[in-house]
Amino acid sequence: MTIEPIDYFFSSYRTGSISKYAAWEIEFILGFPPNVEDDPDKVVNSWRFKVDGYECAIWDYKGSQHFNCWSIYDPHNVLGTLFRIDSKGF
């Protein structure tokens, strides 16, 4: 699988979630730190990237990073292999 960070913000919506991963673990798996400015009142960490050409996103929402709970945008279910999650994102 090819993971490449993208330097632009694209409109995304929550298609699932992942849990049990700390921010540093997501950074390690993806290979780069949070890379996109998001809503500063609600989001601390936000990654935007492509996996095998498909746009994906991972972000925290209103403190969810303190509970290792992350929203994801994964319309093609390509994150399942990276994070060992099923098709629903859990």
C-alpha atoms as a PDB file:
ATOM      1  CA  MET A   1       0.000   0.000   0.000  1.00  0.00           C
ATOM      2  CA  THR A   2       1.228   3.447  -0.873  1.00  0.00           C
ATOM      3  CA  ILE A   3       0.514   6.214   1.651  1.00  0.00           C
ATOM      4  CA  GLU A   4       1.193   9.791   0.616  1.00  0.00           C
ATOM      5  CA  PRO A   5       0.349  12.934   2.594  1.00  0.00           C
ATOM      6  CA  ILE A   6      -1.568  15.623   0.742  1.00  0.00           C
ATOM      7  CA  ASP A   7      -1.086  19.293   1.432  1.00  0.00           C
ATOM      8  CA  TYR A   8      -4.610  20.461   0.760  1.00  0.00           C
ATOM      9  CA  PHE A   9      -7.813  20.323   2.778  1.00  0.00           C
ATOM     10  CA  PHE A  10     -10.661  18.447   1.119  1.00  0.00           C
ATOM     11  CA  SER A  11     -14.205  18.219   2.333  1.00  0.00           C
ATOM     12  CA  SER A  12     -14.706  15.026   4.266  1.00  0.00           C
ATOM     13  CA  TYR A  13     -17.306  13.563   6.549  1.00  0.00           C
ATOM     14  CA  ARG A  14     -17.144  10.833   9.138  1.00  0.00           C
ATOM     15  CA  THR A  15     -17.572   7.413   7.554  1.00  0.00           C
ATOM     16  CA  GLY A  16     -16.327   5.498  10.592  1.00  0.00           C
ATOM     17  CA  SER A  17     -13.990   5.585  13.528  1.00  0.00           C
ATOM     18  CA  ILE A  18     -10.934   3.920  14.926  1.00  0.00           C
ATOM     19  CA  SER A  19     -10.005   3.560  18.558  1.00  0.00           C
ATOM     20  CA  LYS A  20      -7.188   2.333  20.779  1.00  0.00           C
ATOM     21  CA  TYR A  21      -4.523   4.239  18.819  1.00  0.00           C
ATOM     22  CA  ALA A  22      -2.738   7.243  20.309  1.00  0.00           C
ATOM     23  CA  ALA A  23      -1.761  10.135  18.035  1.00  0.00           C
ATOM     24  CA  TRP A  24       1.865   8.996  18.007  1.00  0.00           C
ATOM     25  CA  GLU A  25       0.798   5.519  16.840  1.00  0.00           C
ATOM     26  CA  ILE A  26      -1.234   6.950  13.957  1.00  0.00           C
ATOM     27  CA  GLU A  27       1.757   9.120  13.067  1.00  0.00           C
ATOM     28  CA  PHE A  28       3.994   6.032  13.119  1.00  0.00           C
ATOM     29  CA  ILE A  29       1.611   3.968  10.939  1.00  0.00           C
ATOM     30  CA  LEU A  30       1.112   6.756   8.389  1.00  0.00           C
ATOM     31  CA  GLY A  31       4.735   7.867   8.468  1.00  0.00           C
ATOM     32  CA  PHE A  32       4.095  11.581   9.001  1.00  0.00           C
ATOM     33  CA  PRO A  33       2.659  13.925  11.671  1.00  0.00           C
ATOM     34  CA  PRO A  34      -0.759  15.640  11.503  1.00  0.00           C
ATOM     35  CA  ASN A  35      -0.500  17.706   8.338  1.00  0.00           C
ATOM     36  CA  VAL A  36      -3.642  19.792   7.814  1.00  0.00           C
ATOM     37  CA  GLU A  37      -5.106  22.720   9.730  1.00  0.00           C
ATOM     38  CA  ASP A  38      -8.686  21.930  10.659  1.00  0.00           C
ATOM     39  CA  ASP A  39     -11.296  23.691  12.805  1.00  0.00           C
ATOM     40  CA  PRO A  40      -9.111  24.986  15.700  1.00  0.00           C
ATOM     41  CA  ASP A  41     -12.052  25.053  18.122  1.00  0.00           C
ATOM     42  CA  LYS A  42     -12.821  21.371  17.631  1.00  0.00           C
ATOM     43  CA  VAL A  43      -9.836  19.554  16.097  1.00  0.00           C
ATOM     44  CA  VAL A  44      -6.264  19.228  17.390  1.00  0.00           C
ATOM     45  CA  ASN A  45      -4.858  16.509  15.107  1.00  0.00           C
ATOM     46  CA  SER A  46      -5.825  16.109  11.461  1.00  0.00           C
ATOM     47  CA  TRP A  47      -4.241  13.969   8.772  1.00  0.00           C
ATOM     48  CA  ARG A  48      -5.159  14.130   5.083  1.00  0.00           C
ATOM     49  CA  PHE A  49      -3.558  11.614   2.753  1.00  0.00           C
ATOM     50  CA  LYS A  50      -4.028   9.192  -0.094  1.00  0.00           C
ATOM     51  CA  VAL A  51      -3.810   5.421   0.170  1.00  0.00           C
ATOM     52  CA  ASP A  52      -3.285   3.796  -3.210  1.00  0.00           C
ATOM     53  CA  GLY A  53      -4.713   6.963  -4.794  1.00  0.00           C
ATOM     54  CA  TYR A  54      -7.837   7.220  -2.582  1.00  0.00           C
ATOM     55  CA  GLU A  55      -8.299  10.325  -0.413  1.00  0.00           C
ATOM     56  CA  CYS A  56      -8.584   9.535   3.299  1.00  0.00           C
ATOM     57  CA  ALA A  57      -8.615  11.503   6.537  1.00  0.00           C
ATOM     58  CA  ILE A  58      -8.215  10.922  10.263  1.00  0.00           C
ATOM     59  CA  TRP A  59      -9.013  13.545  12.891  1.00  0.00           C
ATOM     60  CA  ASP A  60      -9.982  13.994  16.501  1.00  0.00           C
ATOM     61  CA  TYR A  61     -13.117  15.867  17.516  1.00  0.00           C
ATOM     62  CA  LYS A  62     -13.662  17.886  20.668  1.00  0.00           C
ATOM     63  CA  GLY A  63     -11.116  16.077  22.811  1.00  0.00           C
ATOM     64  CA  SER A  64     -11.642  12.572  21.487  1.00  0.00           C
ATOM     65  CA  GLN A  65      -7.854  12.196  21.160  1.00  0.00           C
ATOM     66  CA  HIS A  66      -7.690  11.944  24.971  1.00  0.00           C
ATOM     67  CA  PHE A  67      -9.697   8.715  24.672  1.00  0.00           C
ATOM     68  CA  ASN A  68      -7.818   7.419  21.607  1.00  0.00           C
ATOM     69  CA  CYS A  69     -10.962   7.749  19.510  1.00  0.00           C
ATOM     70  CA  TRP A  70     -10.635   9.117  15.967  1.00  0.00           C
ATOM     71  CA  SER A  71     -13.045   9.992  13.182  1.00  0.00           C
ATOM     72  CA  ILE A  72     -12.111   8.699   9.760  1.00  0.00           C
ATOM     73  CA  TYR A  73     -13.038   9.420   6.166  1.00  0.00           C
ATOM     74  CA  ASP A  74     -12.504   6.166   4.300  1.00  0.00           C
ATOM     75  CA  PRO A  75     -15.106   5.799   1.541  1.00  0.00           C
ATOM     76  CA  HIS A  76     -13.202   2.959  -0.141  1.00  0.00           C
ATOM     77  CA  ASN A  77     -12.310   1.021   3.045  1.00  0.00           C
ATOM     78  CA  VAL A  78      -8.593   1.200   2.414  1.00  0.00           C
ATOM     79  CA  LEU A  79      -7.738   1.975   6.043  1.00  0.00           C
ATOM     80  CA  GLY A  80      -8.896  -1.442   7.223  1.00  0.00           C
ATOM     81  CA  THR A  81      -5.610  -3.037   6.281  1.00  0.00           C
ATOM     82  CA  LEU A  82      -3.535  -0.306   7.944  1.00  0.00           C
ATOM     83  CA  PHE A  83      -5.481  -0.302  11.207  1.00  0.00           C
ATOM     84  CA  ARG A  84      -6.904  -3.828  11.210  1.00  0.00           C
ATOM     85  CA  ILE A  85     -10.540  -2.700  11.270  1.00  0.00           C
ATOM     86  CA  ASP A  86     -13.601  -4.145   9.598  1.00  0.00           C
ATOM     87  CA  SER A  87     -15.649  -2.512   6.834  1.00  0.00           C
ATOM     88  CA  LYS A  88     -17.708  -0.464   9.313  1.00  0.00           C
ATOM     89  CA  GLY A  89     -14.572   1.203  10.658  1.00  0.00           C
ATOM     90  CA  PHE A  90     -14.754  -0.249  14.174  1.00  0.00           C
END
